[in-house]
Amino acid sequence: IAFAFNTGKTWFEIPNTIRVNIKNMPKENITPKDVILFILSKLKTKEALGHCIEYYGDYIDSLSLSGRITIASMATEAGAIISFLPYKKDLLKKINNISELKADSSAKYLKEITIDIKDILPQVALPGDPTNALPVTSVKGKKIDSVFLGSCTNGRYEDILLFSNILKGKKISHEVVVEVVPATMSVWKELLLNGI
């Protein structure tokens, strides 16, 4: 930090890149957080540590901006330095002066992995490591102490609405702490406006 303040420069090693090809589309009730947890359970931290991850496939192309943010934000959880989803032209059409961003056709990858998401189930990350994700059905009946839903990775309006619908007509045990943190102020306002 002192060097950067003194010179206005810093040194950064350009990371190697892992290309992740996402095959097929998930079932209707699967969220982007489920998909990225499933991907991380396959990559594990040692696979992505210190690298960049690029994601490709029809599923990636179909994601909204908030879904893309969910996928991109979880790269650090796998130890990656950054992740990249190709720019989709109509995604940011309201913003001027954005040129198309994509990897060169001659790009070289450290590794290329294909992950099929057709049959994945809703996922849960067990304590200690987000790459330690399992289908939520595998922990059915286990006692839990806390639940966190929110931030940039699953604090979208859609995520919190789904959670609200699951809880409808039920009560949370007084022994369980549940935290819900909307990703943005606009999501928080929309939730309030709709009584969620």
N, C-alpha and C. Protein backbone atom coordinates (compact mmCIF):
# COMPACT_ATOMS: atom_id res chain seq x y z
N ILE A 1 0.84 -1.20 0.00
CA ILE A 1 0.00 0.00 0.00
C ILE A 1 0.87 1.25 0.00
N ALA A 2 1.95 1.22 0.80
CA ALA A 2 2.86 2.37 0.85
C ALA A 2 3.49 2.60 -0.52
N PHE A 3 3.89 1.51 -1.21
CA PHE A 3 4.48 1.64 -2.54
C PHE A 3 3.47 2.26 -3.51
N ALA A 4 2.22 1.79 -3.44
CA ALA A 4 1.18 2.33 -4.33
C ALA A 4 0.92 3.81 -4.06
N PHE A 5 0.89 4.19 -2.79
CA PHE A 5 0.69 5.61 -2.44
C PHE A 5 1.86 6.45 -2.94
N ASN A 6 3.05 5.92 -2.83
CA ASN A 6 4.26 6.67 -3.19
C ASN A 6 4.43 6.81 -4.70
N THR A 7 4.11 5.73 -5.45
CA THR A 7 4.39 5.73 -6.89
C THR A 7 3.14 5.84 -7.76
N GLY A 8 1.99 5.56 -7.18
CA GLY A 8 0.76 5.53 -7.98
C GLY A 8 0.66 4.27 -8.81
N LYS A 9 1.48 3.27 -8.49
CA LYS A 9 1.49 2.01 -9.25
C LYS A 9 1.43 0.84 -8.28
N THR A 10 1.08 -0.32 -8.81
CA THR A 10 1.17 -1.55 -8.04
C THR A 10 1.52 -2.69 -8.98
N TRP A 11 1.97 -3.78 -8.40
CA TRP A 11 2.37 -4.94 -9.18
C TRP A 11 1.31 -6.01 -9.03
N PHE A 12 0.90 -6.59 -10.16
CA PHE A 12 -0.13 -7.62 -10.11
C PHE A 12 0.19 -8.68 -11.16
N GLU A 13 0.28 -9.92 -10.73
CA GLU A 13 0.56 -11.00 -11.66
C GLU A 13 -0.73 -11.41 -12.38
N ILE A 14 -0.68 -11.46 -13.70
CA ILE A 14 -1.85 -11.85 -14.48
C ILE A 14 -2.10 -13.34 -14.24
N PRO A 15 -3.32 -13.68 -13.77
CA PRO A 15 -3.58 -15.09 -13.42
C PRO A 15 -3.84 -15.95 -14.65
N ASN A 16 -3.62 -17.24 -14.48
CA ASN A 16 -4.05 -18.21 -15.48
C ASN A 16 -5.58 -18.29 -15.42
N THR A 17 -6.19 -18.79 -16.49
CA THR A 17 -7.64 -18.83 -16.56
C THR A 17 -8.15 -20.25 -16.75
N ILE A 18 -9.20 -20.56 -16.00
CA ILE A 18 -9.91 -21.82 -16.15
C ILE A 18 -11.22 -21.51 -16.89
N ARG A 19 -11.48 -22.23 -17.94
CA ARG A 19 -12.73 -22.05 -18.68
C ARG A 19 -13.73 -23.10 -18.20
N VAL A 20 -14.89 -22.63 -17.75
CA VAL A 20 -15.95 -23.53 -17.28
C VAL A 20 -17.12 -23.44 -18.26
N ASN A 21 -17.38 -24.55 -18.95
CA ASN A 21 -18.50 -24.63 -19.88
C ASN A 21 -19.68 -25.23 -19.15
N ILE A 22 -20.78 -24.48 -19.11
CA ILE A 22 -21.98 -24.96 -18.43
C ILE A 22 -22.88 -25.62 -19.46
N LYS A 23 -23.16 -26.89 -19.24
CA LYS A 23 -23.95 -27.69 -20.19
C LYS A 23 -25.39 -27.80 -19.70
N ASN A 24 -26.34 -27.62 -20.60
CA ASN A 24 -27.77 -27.76 -20.35
C ASN A 24 -28.32 -26.64 -19.47
N MET A 25 -29.60 -26.71 -19.19
CA MET A 25 -30.29 -25.73 -18.35
C MET A 25 -30.80 -26.45 -17.11
N PRO A 26 -30.84 -25.75 -15.96
CA PRO A 26 -31.33 -26.40 -14.75
C PRO A 26 -32.86 -26.45 -14.73
N LYS A 27 -33.39 -27.19 -13.76
CA LYS A 27 -34.84 -27.23 -13.57
C LYS A 27 -35.33 -25.84 -13.14
N GLU A 28 -36.63 -25.64 -13.22
CA GLU A 28 -37.23 -24.32 -13.01
C GLU A 28 -36.97 -23.74 -11.62
N ASN A 29 -36.92 -24.55 -10.59
CA ASN A 29 -36.78 -24.02 -9.23
C ASN A 29 -35.33 -23.82 -8.79
N ILE A 30 -34.39 -23.95 -9.70
CA ILE A 30 -32.97 -23.81 -9.37
C ILE A 30 -32.53 -22.37 -9.60
N THR A 31 -31.90 -21.78 -8.58
CA THR A 31 -31.46 -20.39 -8.64
C THR A 31 -30.00 -20.31 -9.07
N PRO A 32 -29.54 -19.10 -9.47
CA PRO A 32 -28.12 -18.95 -9.79
C PRO A 32 -27.21 -19.33 -8.61
N LYS A 33 -27.65 -19.10 -7.38
CA LYS A 33 -26.83 -19.49 -6.22
C LYS A 33 -26.69 -21.00 -6.14
N ASP A 34 -27.77 -21.73 -6.45
CA ASP A 34 -27.68 -23.20 -6.49
C ASP A 34 -26.65 -23.64 -7.52
N VAL A 35 -26.70 -22.99 -8.69
CA VAL A 35 -25.80 -23.36 -9.79
C VAL A 35 -24.35 -23.10 -9.39
N ILE A 36 -24.07 -21.92 -8.83
CA ILE A 36 -22.67 -21.62 -8.50
C ILE A 36 -22.17 -22.48 -7.34
N LEU A 37 -23.02 -22.80 -6.38
CA LEU A 37 -22.60 -23.71 -5.30
C LEU A 37 -22.27 -25.09 -5.86
N PHE A 38 -23.08 -25.56 -6.81
CA PHE A 38 -22.82 -26.84 -7.46
C PHE A 38 -21.49 -26.80 -8.21
N ILE A 39 -21.25 -25.71 -8.95
CA ILE A 39 -20.00 -25.55 -9.69
C ILE A 39 -18.81 -25.56 -8.72
N LEU A 40 -18.92 -24.80 -7.63
CA LEU A 40 -17.83 -24.73 -6.65
C LEU A 40 -17.58 -26.08 -6.00
N SER A 41 -18.63 -26.87 -5.81
CA SER A 41 -18.45 -28.20 -5.21
C SER A 41 -17.65 -29.11 -6.15
N LYS A 42 -17.71 -28.81 -7.44
CA LYS A 42 -16.92 -29.58 -8.42
C LYS A 42 -15.50 -29.03 -8.56
N LEU A 43 -15.35 -27.70 -8.52
CA LEU A 43 -14.03 -27.09 -8.67
C LEU A 43 -13.16 -27.26 -7.43
N LYS A 44 -13.75 -27.02 -6.27
CA LYS A 44 -13.04 -27.00 -4.99
C LYS A 44 -12.02 -25.85 -5.00
N THR A 45 -11.59 -25.45 -3.84
CA THR A 45 -10.71 -24.29 -3.70
C THR A 45 -9.37 -24.51 -4.38
N LYS A 46 -8.78 -25.69 -4.24
CA LYS A 46 -7.44 -25.92 -4.80
C LYS A 46 -7.42 -25.80 -6.32
N GLU A 47 -8.56 -26.07 -6.96
CA GLU A 47 -8.65 -26.02 -8.42
C GLU A 47 -8.55 -24.59 -8.94
N ALA A 48 -9.19 -23.65 -8.25
CA ALA A 48 -9.30 -22.27 -8.75
C ALA A 48 -8.37 -21.29 -8.05
N LEU A 49 -7.67 -21.72 -7.02
CA LEU A 49 -6.86 -20.82 -6.20
C LEU A 49 -5.87 -20.00 -7.03
N GLY A 50 -6.02 -18.68 -6.95
CA GLY A 50 -5.11 -17.77 -7.63
C GLY A 50 -5.37 -17.61 -9.12
N HIS A 51 -6.44 -18.21 -9.62
CA HIS A 51 -6.72 -18.17 -11.04
C HIS A 51 -7.93 -17.29 -11.36
N CYS A 52 -8.21 -17.15 -12.64
CA CYS A 52 -9.42 -16.50 -13.13
C CYS A 52 -10.34 -17.61 -13.63
N ILE A 53 -11.65 -17.40 -13.50
CA ILE A 53 -12.62 -18.37 -14.04
C ILE A 53 -13.48 -17.66 -15.08
N GLU A 54 -13.62 -18.27 -16.25
CA GLU A 54 -14.54 -17.77 -17.27
C GLU A 54 -15.67 -18.78 -17.43
N TYR A 55 -16.91 -18.27 -17.47
CA TYR A 55 -18.08 -19.14 -17.59
C TYR A 55 -18.73 -18.95 -18.95
N TYR A 56 -19.11 -20.07 -19.60
CA TYR A 56 -19.76 -20.02 -20.90
C TYR A 56 -20.90 -21.02 -20.97
N GLY A 57 -21.84 -20.76 -21.85
CA GLY A 57 -22.95 -21.69 -22.08
C GLY A 57 -24.27 -20.96 -22.18
N ASP A 58 -25.28 -21.66 -22.67
CA ASP A 58 -26.62 -21.08 -22.84
C ASP A 58 -27.18 -20.59 -21.52
N TYR A 59 -26.91 -21.31 -20.43
CA TYR A 59 -27.41 -20.89 -19.13
C TYR A 59 -26.83 -19.54 -18.75
N ILE A 60 -25.54 -19.38 -18.94
CA ILE A 60 -24.86 -18.11 -18.62
C ILE A 60 -25.47 -17.00 -19.46
N ASP A 61 -25.69 -17.25 -20.75
CA ASP A 61 -26.27 -16.25 -21.64
C ASP A 61 -27.68 -15.86 -21.22
N SER A 62 -28.39 -16.78 -20.58
CA SER A 62 -29.78 -16.53 -20.21
C SER A 62 -29.93 -15.71 -18.92
N LEU A 63 -28.86 -15.55 -18.17
CA LEU A 63 -28.95 -14.91 -16.85
C LEU A 63 -29.21 -13.41 -16.92
N SER A 64 -29.99 -12.94 -15.98
CA SER A 64 -30.20 -11.50 -15.80
C SER A 64 -28.93 -10.92 -15.18
N LEU A 65 -28.87 -9.61 -15.07
CA LEU A 65 -27.71 -8.97 -14.47
C LEU A 65 -27.52 -9.44 -13.03
N SER A 66 -28.59 -9.52 -12.25
CA SER A 66 -28.45 -9.95 -10.85
C SER A 66 -28.00 -11.41 -10.76
N GLY A 67 -28.46 -12.25 -11.67
CA GLY A 67 -28.00 -13.64 -11.70
C GLY A 67 -26.52 -13.74 -12.04
N ARG A 68 -26.08 -12.89 -12.94
CA ARG A 68 -24.66 -12.85 -13.31
C ARG A 68 -23.80 -12.39 -12.14
N ILE A 69 -24.31 -11.42 -11.40
CA ILE A 69 -23.57 -10.93 -10.23
C ILE A 69 -23.42 -12.05 -9.20
N THR A 70 -24.46 -12.84 -9.03
CA THR A 70 -24.40 -13.98 -8.11
C THR A 70 -23.28 -14.93 -8.52
N ILE A 71 -23.24 -15.31 -9.78
CA ILE A 71 -22.21 -16.24 -10.27
C ILE A 71 -20.82 -15.62 -10.14
N ALA A 72 -20.68 -14.38 -10.60
CA ALA A 72 -19.37 -13.73 -10.59
C ALA A 72 -18.83 -13.50 -9.18
N SER A 73 -19.71 -13.14 -8.26
CA SER A 73 -19.28 -12.79 -6.91
C SER A 73 -18.74 -13.98 -6.13
N MET A 74 -19.12 -15.17 -6.50
CA MET A 74 -18.69 -16.35 -5.74
C MET A 74 -17.31 -16.86 -6.14
N ALA A 75 -16.66 -16.23 -7.10
CA ALA A 75 -15.33 -16.69 -7.52
C ALA A 75 -14.35 -16.67 -6.36
N THR A 76 -14.42 -15.62 -5.55
CA THR A 76 -13.48 -15.50 -4.43
C THR A 76 -13.68 -16.62 -3.42
N GLU A 77 -14.90 -17.15 -3.33
CA GLU A 77 -15.17 -18.25 -2.40
C GLU A 77 -14.41 -19.51 -2.81
N ALA A 78 -14.07 -19.60 -4.09
CA ALA A 78 -13.30 -20.76 -4.57
C ALA A 78 -11.81 -20.45 -4.60
N GLY A 79 -11.43 -19.27 -4.10
CA GLY A 79 -10.02 -18.90 -4.10
C GLY A 79 -9.55 -18.23 -5.38
N ALA A 80 -10.47 -18.03 -6.32
CA ALA A 80 -10.11 -17.38 -7.59
C ALA A 80 -9.93 -15.88 -7.37
N ILE A 81 -9.14 -15.26 -8.22
CA ILE A 81 -8.91 -13.82 -8.13
C ILE A 81 -10.07 -13.05 -8.75
N ILE A 82 -10.63 -13.59 -9.82
CA ILE A 82 -11.72 -12.91 -10.53
C ILE A 82 -12.47 -13.94 -11.36
N SER A 83 -13.69 -13.61 -11.74
CA SER A 83 -14.40 -14.45 -12.71
C SER A 83 -15.01 -13.55 -13.77
N PHE A 84 -15.33 -14.15 -14.90
CA PHE A 84 -15.78 -13.38 -16.06
C PHE A 84 -16.90 -14.11 -16.76
N LEU A 85 -17.96 -13.38 -17.06
CA LEU A 85 -19.06 -13.88 -17.88
C LEU A 85 -19.12 -12.99 -19.10
N PRO A 86 -19.14 -13.54 -20.30
CA PRO A 86 -19.13 -12.70 -21.49
C PRO A 86 -20.26 -11.68 -21.48
N TYR A 87 -19.96 -10.51 -21.96
CA TYR A 87 -20.92 -9.40 -22.02
C TYR A 87 -22.03 -9.72 -23.01
N LYS A 88 -23.25 -9.50 -22.61
CA LYS A 88 -24.40 -9.73 -23.48
C LYS A 88 -24.96 -8.38 -23.89
N LYS A 89 -25.08 -8.15 -25.18
CA LYS A 89 -25.38 -6.83 -25.71
C LYS A 89 -26.62 -6.17 -25.12
N ASP A 90 -27.73 -6.89 -25.04
CA ASP A 90 -28.97 -6.25 -24.57
C ASP A 90 -29.06 -6.15 -23.05
N LEU A 91 -28.10 -6.73 -22.35
CA LEU A 91 -28.12 -6.74 -20.89
C LEU A 91 -27.96 -5.34 -20.30
N LEU A 92 -27.08 -4.58 -20.90
CA LEU A 92 -26.80 -3.24 -20.39
C LEU A 92 -27.12 -2.18 -21.43
N LYS A 93 -28.21 -2.37 -22.17
CA LYS A 93 -28.52 -1.46 -23.27
C LYS A 93 -28.80 -0.04 -22.82
N LYS A 94 -29.15 0.14 -21.54
CA LYS A 94 -29.43 1.48 -21.02
C LYS A 94 -28.15 2.27 -20.75
N ILE A 95 -27.04 1.57 -20.70
CA ILE A 95 -25.76 2.23 -20.41
C ILE A 95 -25.02 2.46 -21.72
N ASN A 96 -24.60 3.68 -21.94
CA ASN A 96 -23.91 4.02 -23.18
C ASN A 96 -22.42 3.69 -23.10
N ASN A 97 -21.81 3.64 -24.24
CA ASN A 97 -20.35 3.51 -24.38
C ASN A 97 -19.76 2.25 -23.76
N ILE A 98 -20.50 1.16 -23.80
CA ILE A 98 -19.92 -0.11 -23.35
C ILE A 98 -19.65 -0.95 -24.58
N SER A 99 -18.38 -1.27 -24.78
CA SER A 99 -18.05 -2.11 -25.93
C SER A 99 -18.13 -3.58 -25.51
N GLU A 100 -18.23 -4.45 -26.50
CA GLU A 100 -18.38 -5.87 -26.22
C GLU A 100 -17.13 -6.41 -25.55
N LEU A 101 -17.33 -7.18 -24.49
CA LEU A 101 -16.22 -7.79 -23.77
C LEU A 101 -16.29 -9.29 -23.94
N LYS A 102 -15.23 -9.85 -24.50
CA LYS A 102 -15.18 -11.32 -24.64
C LYS A 102 -13.72 -11.73 -24.79
N ALA A 103 -13.47 -12.98 -24.50
CA ALA A 103 -12.12 -13.50 -24.64
C ALA A 103 -11.73 -13.58 -26.12
N ASP A 104 -10.46 -13.39 -26.40
CA ASP A 104 -9.98 -13.54 -27.77
C ASP A 104 -10.19 -14.99 -28.23
N SER A 105 -10.39 -15.17 -29.52
CA SER A 105 -10.58 -16.53 -30.05
C SER A 105 -9.32 -17.37 -29.85
N SER A 106 -8.17 -16.71 -29.68
CA SER A 106 -6.90 -17.42 -29.49
C SER A 106 -6.55 -17.59 -28.01
N ALA A 107 -7.48 -17.27 -27.12
CA ALA A 107 -7.20 -17.35 -25.68
C ALA A 107 -6.77 -18.76 -25.29
N LYS A 108 -5.77 -18.81 -24.40
CA LYS A 108 -5.26 -20.10 -23.91
C LYS A 108 -5.72 -20.25 -22.47
N TYR A 109 -6.15 -21.47 -22.14
CA TYR A 109 -6.66 -21.74 -20.80
C TYR A 109 -5.78 -22.76 -20.08
N LEU A 110 -5.64 -22.55 -18.80
CA LEU A 110 -4.91 -23.50 -17.96
C LEU A 110 -5.64 -24.85 -17.98
N LYS A 111 -6.96 -24.77 -17.97
CA LYS A 111 -7.79 -25.96 -17.92
C LYS A 111 -9.17 -25.61 -18.47
N GLU A 112 -9.84 -26.58 -19.06
CA GLU A 112 -11.21 -26.40 -19.52
C GLU A 112 -12.07 -27.50 -18.91
N ILE A 113 -13.16 -27.09 -18.26
CA ILE A 113 -14.02 -28.03 -17.55
C ILE A 113 -15.45 -27.87 -18.05
N THR A 114 -16.16 -28.98 -18.23
CA THR A 114 -17.57 -28.93 -18.59
C THR A 114 -18.38 -29.48 -17.43
N ILE A 115 -19.39 -28.72 -17.01
CA ILE A 115 -20.24 -29.12 -15.89
C ILE A 115 -21.69 -29.13 -16.34
N ASP A 116 -22.34 -30.28 -16.20
CA ASP A 116 -23.74 -30.43 -16.59
C ASP A 116 -24.63 -30.06 -15.41
N ILE A 117 -25.54 -29.10 -15.61
CA ILE A 117 -26.40 -28.63 -14.52
C ILE A 117 -27.86 -29.09 -14.68
N LYS A 118 -28.10 -29.98 -15.62
CA LYS A 118 -29.47 -30.39 -15.93
C LYS A 118 -30.20 -31.01 -14.73
N ASP A 119 -29.51 -31.82 -13.95
CA ASP A 119 -30.18 -32.58 -12.88
C ASP A 119 -29.87 -32.07 -11.48
N ILE A 120 -29.27 -30.87 -11.35
CA ILE A 120 -28.92 -30.45 -9.99
C ILE A 120 -30.16 -30.12 -9.17
N LEU A 121 -30.02 -30.30 -7.88
CA LEU A 121 -31.08 -30.01 -6.92
C LEU A 121 -30.73 -28.72 -6.18
N PRO A 122 -31.68 -28.12 -5.47
CA PRO A 122 -31.32 -26.96 -4.64
C PRO A 122 -30.16 -27.32 -3.71
N GLN A 123 -29.22 -26.40 -3.55
CA GLN A 123 -27.98 -26.66 -2.81
C GLN A 123 -27.95 -25.95 -1.47
N VAL A 124 -27.13 -26.48 -0.57
CA VAL A 124 -26.86 -25.83 0.70
C VAL A 124 -25.35 -25.91 0.94
N ALA A 125 -24.77 -24.80 1.39
CA ALA A 125 -23.34 -24.79 1.72
C ALA A 125 -23.20 -25.08 3.20
N LEU A 126 -22.46 -26.12 3.53
CA LEU A 126 -22.26 -26.47 4.93
C LEU A 126 -21.22 -25.52 5.54
N PRO A 127 -21.25 -25.36 6.86
CA PRO A 127 -20.34 -24.41 7.51
C PRO A 127 -18.87 -24.66 7.18
N GLY A 128 -18.16 -23.55 7.11
CA GLY A 128 -16.71 -23.62 6.96
C GLY A 128 -16.18 -23.41 5.56
N ASP A 129 -16.97 -23.78 4.55
CA ASP A 129 -16.41 -23.70 3.20
C ASP A 129 -17.54 -23.76 2.16
N PRO A 130 -17.73 -22.67 1.39
CA PRO A 130 -18.80 -22.66 0.39
C PRO A 130 -18.64 -23.73 -0.70
N THR A 131 -17.42 -24.26 -0.86
CA THR A 131 -17.27 -25.34 -1.84
C THR A 131 -17.78 -26.66 -1.28
N ASN A 132 -18.12 -26.67 0.01
CA ASN A 132 -18.67 -27.85 0.66
C ASN A 132 -20.19 -27.83 0.53
N ALA A 133 -20.65 -27.81 -0.71
CA ALA A 133 -22.09 -27.72 -1.00
C ALA A 133 -22.65 -29.09 -1.33
N LEU A 134 -23.88 -29.29 -0.89
CA LEU A 134 -24.59 -30.56 -1.11
C LEU A 134 -26.03 -30.26 -1.48
N PRO A 135 -26.73 -31.23 -2.08
CA PRO A 135 -28.17 -31.03 -2.26
C PRO A 135 -28.83 -30.86 -0.90
N VAL A 136 -29.75 -29.93 -0.80
CA VAL A 136 -30.40 -29.65 0.48
C VAL A 136 -31.11 -30.89 1.02
N THR A 137 -31.53 -31.79 0.14
CA THR A 137 -32.21 -33.02 0.57
C THR A 137 -31.28 -33.92 1.40
N SER A 138 -29.97 -33.79 1.20
CA SER A 138 -29.02 -34.65 1.93
C SER A 138 -28.86 -34.24 3.39
N VAL A 139 -29.35 -33.06 3.75
CA VAL A 139 -29.26 -32.62 5.15
C VAL A 139 -30.64 -32.50 5.80
N LYS A 140 -31.64 -33.04 5.14
CA LYS A 140 -33.01 -32.98 5.66
C LYS A 140 -33.05 -33.62 7.06
N GLY A 141 -33.70 -32.90 7.99
CA GLY A 141 -33.82 -33.41 9.35
C GLY A 141 -32.68 -33.04 10.27
N LYS A 142 -31.60 -32.47 9.74
CA LYS A 142 -30.47 -32.05 10.57
C LYS A 142 -30.81 -30.76 11.29
N LYS A 143 -30.38 -30.63 12.53
CA LYS A 143 -30.61 -29.41 13.30
C LYS A 143 -29.67 -28.32 12.80
N ILE A 144 -30.20 -27.11 12.63
CA ILE A 144 -29.37 -25.98 12.22
C ILE A 144 -29.47 -24.87 13.26
N ASP A 145 -28.43 -24.05 13.33
CA ASP A 145 -28.39 -22.94 14.28
C ASP A 145 -28.63 -21.60 13.62
N SER A 146 -28.19 -21.49 12.37
CA SER A 146 -28.34 -20.19 11.70
C SER A 146 -28.54 -20.35 10.21
N VAL A 147 -29.22 -19.35 9.64
CA VAL A 147 -29.49 -19.29 8.20
C VAL A 147 -29.13 -17.89 7.75
N PHE A 148 -28.38 -17.80 6.66
CA PHE A 148 -28.07 -16.49 6.10
C PHE A 148 -28.52 -16.46 4.65
N LEU A 149 -29.32 -15.45 4.31
CA LEU A 149 -29.78 -15.26 2.94
C LEU A 149 -29.51 -13.81 2.61
N GLY A 150 -28.68 -13.57 1.61
CA GLY A 150 -28.46 -12.17 1.26
C GLY A 150 -27.12 -11.87 0.67
N SER A 151 -26.79 -10.60 0.73
CA SER A 151 -25.60 -9.98 0.14
C SER A 151 -25.66 -10.07 -1.38
N CYS A 152 -24.53 -9.92 -2.03
CA CYS A 152 -24.53 -9.87 -3.49
C CYS A 152 -24.77 -11.24 -4.12
N THR A 153 -24.62 -12.32 -3.36
CA THR A 153 -24.73 -13.64 -3.98
C THR A 153 -26.11 -14.28 -3.91
N ASN A 154 -26.94 -13.90 -2.98
CA ASN A 154 -28.33 -14.36 -3.05
C ASN A 154 -29.26 -13.44 -2.27
N GLY A 155 -29.03 -12.14 -2.46
CA GLY A 155 -29.91 -11.14 -1.87
C GLY A 155 -30.79 -10.47 -2.91
N ARG A 156 -30.99 -11.16 -4.04
CA ARG A 156 -31.85 -10.61 -5.08
C ARG A 156 -33.31 -10.64 -4.60
N TYR A 157 -34.12 -9.84 -5.22
CA TYR A 157 -35.56 -9.83 -4.91
C TYR A 157 -36.12 -11.24 -5.07
N GLU A 158 -35.76 -11.91 -6.17
CA GLU A 158 -36.28 -13.24 -6.47
C GLU A 158 -35.91 -14.25 -5.38
N ASP A 159 -34.67 -14.15 -4.85
CA ASP A 159 -34.22 -15.06 -3.80
C ASP A 159 -35.03 -14.89 -2.52
N ILE A 160 -35.23 -13.64 -2.13
CA ILE A 160 -35.92 -13.36 -0.87
C ILE A 160 -37.41 -13.66 -1.00
N LEU A 161 -37.98 -13.43 -2.18
CA LEU A 161 -39.38 -13.78 -2.44
C LEU A 161 -39.57 -15.30 -2.31
N LEU A 162 -38.66 -16.06 -2.90
CA LEU A 162 -38.72 -17.53 -2.83
C LEU A 162 -38.65 -17.99 -1.37
N PHE A 163 -37.73 -17.42 -0.62
CA PHE A 163 -37.57 -17.74 0.80
C PHE A 163 -38.84 -17.42 1.58
N SER A 164 -39.42 -16.27 1.27
CA SER A 164 -40.66 -15.84 1.92
C SER A 164 -41.79 -16.82 1.62
N ASN A 165 -41.88 -17.28 0.39
CA ASN A 165 -42.92 -18.24 0.00
C ASN A 165 -42.73 -19.59 0.70
N ILE A 166 -41.48 -20.00 0.89
CA ILE A 166 -41.20 -21.26 1.59
C ILE A 166 -41.64 -21.16 3.05
N LEU A 167 -41.43 -19.99 3.65
CA LEU A 167 -41.76 -19.80 5.08
C LEU A 167 -43.22 -19.49 5.34
N LYS A 168 -43.96 -19.18 4.30
CA LYS A 168 -45.36 -18.77 4.48
C LYS A 168 -46.15 -19.78 5.30
N GLY A 169 -46.78 -19.29 6.38
CA GLY A 169 -47.59 -20.15 7.24
C GLY A 169 -46.77 -20.97 8.23
N LYS A 170 -45.45 -20.75 8.28
CA LYS A 170 -44.59 -21.49 9.20
C LYS A 170 -43.94 -20.52 10.18
N LYS A 171 -43.35 -21.05 11.24
CA LYS A 171 -42.62 -20.23 12.21
C LYS A 171 -41.18 -20.70 12.28
N ILE A 172 -40.28 -19.75 12.52
CA ILE A 172 -38.87 -20.08 12.70
C ILE A 172 -38.64 -20.35 14.18
N SER A 173 -37.95 -21.43 14.48
CA SER A 173 -37.66 -21.78 15.87
C SER A 173 -36.90 -20.66 16.56
N HIS A 174 -37.18 -20.45 17.85
CA HIS A 174 -36.45 -19.43 18.61
C HIS A 174 -34.99 -19.81 18.81
N GLU A 175 -34.63 -21.07 18.49
CA GLU A 175 -33.25 -21.53 18.61
C GLU A 175 -32.43 -21.28 17.33
N VAL A 176 -33.09 -20.75 16.30
CA VAL A 176 -32.41 -20.53 15.02
C VAL A 176 -32.34 -19.03 14.72
N VAL A 177 -31.16 -18.58 14.33
CA VAL A 177 -30.98 -17.18 13.93
C VAL A 177 -31.09 -17.13 12.40
N VAL A 178 -31.98 -16.28 11.90
CA VAL A 178 -32.14 -16.12 10.45
C VAL A 178 -31.83 -14.67 10.09
N GLU A 179 -30.87 -14.49 9.20
CA GLU A 179 -30.51 -13.15 8.73
C GLU A 179 -30.85 -13.05 7.24
N VAL A 180 -31.55 -11.99 6.88
CA VAL A 180 -31.88 -11.72 5.48
C VAL A 180 -31.35 -10.33 5.15
N VAL A 181 -30.43 -10.28 4.19
CA VAL A 181 -29.78 -9.01 3.83
C VAL A 181 -29.95 -8.76 2.33
N PRO A 182 -30.88 -7.87 1.95
CA PRO A 182 -31.05 -7.56 0.52
C PRO A 182 -29.75 -7.05 -0.10
N ALA A 183 -29.55 -7.39 -1.36
CA ALA A 183 -28.29 -7.04 -2.03
C ALA A 183 -28.12 -5.54 -2.23
N THR A 184 -29.22 -4.83 -2.44
CA THR A 184 -29.14 -3.39 -2.70
C THR A 184 -30.29 -2.68 -2.00
N MET A 185 -30.16 -1.37 -1.91
CA MET A 185 -31.21 -0.55 -1.33
C MET A 185 -32.50 -0.66 -2.16
N SER A 186 -32.36 -0.76 -3.48
CA SER A 186 -33.56 -0.84 -4.32
C SER A 186 -34.29 -2.17 -4.11
N VAL A 187 -33.54 -3.26 -3.87
CA VAL A 187 -34.17 -4.55 -3.55
C VAL A 187 -34.91 -4.43 -2.22
N TRP A 188 -34.27 -3.82 -1.24
CA TRP A 188 -34.86 -3.63 0.09
C TRP A 188 -36.17 -2.84 -0.03
N LYS A 189 -36.15 -1.76 -0.82
CA LYS A 189 -37.35 -0.93 -0.99
C LYS A 189 -38.47 -1.70 -1.69
N GLU A 190 -38.10 -2.51 -2.70
CA GLU A 190 -39.11 -3.29 -3.42
C GLU A 190 -39.74 -4.34 -2.50
N LEU A 191 -38.93 -4.95 -1.64
CA LEU A 191 -39.44 -5.92 -0.67
C LEU A 191 -40.40 -5.26 0.30
N LEU A 192 -40.05 -4.08 0.78
CA LEU A 192 -40.93 -3.34 1.69
C LEU A 192 -42.24 -2.95 1.01
N LEU A 193 -42.10 -2.46 -0.22
CA LEU A 193 -43.26 -2.01 -0.98
C LEU A 193 -44.27 -3.14 -1.20
N ASN A 194 -43.75 -4.36 -1.39
CA ASN A 194 -44.61 -5.51 -1.65
C ASN A 194 -44.94 -6.31 -0.40
N GLY A 195 -44.56 -5.79 0.75
CA GLY A 195 -44.92 -6.44 2.02
C GLY A 195 -44.21 -7.74 2.30
N ILE A 196 -43.08 -7.95 1.69
CA ILE A 196 -42.34 -9.22 1.87
C ILE A 196 -41.43 -9.12 3.08
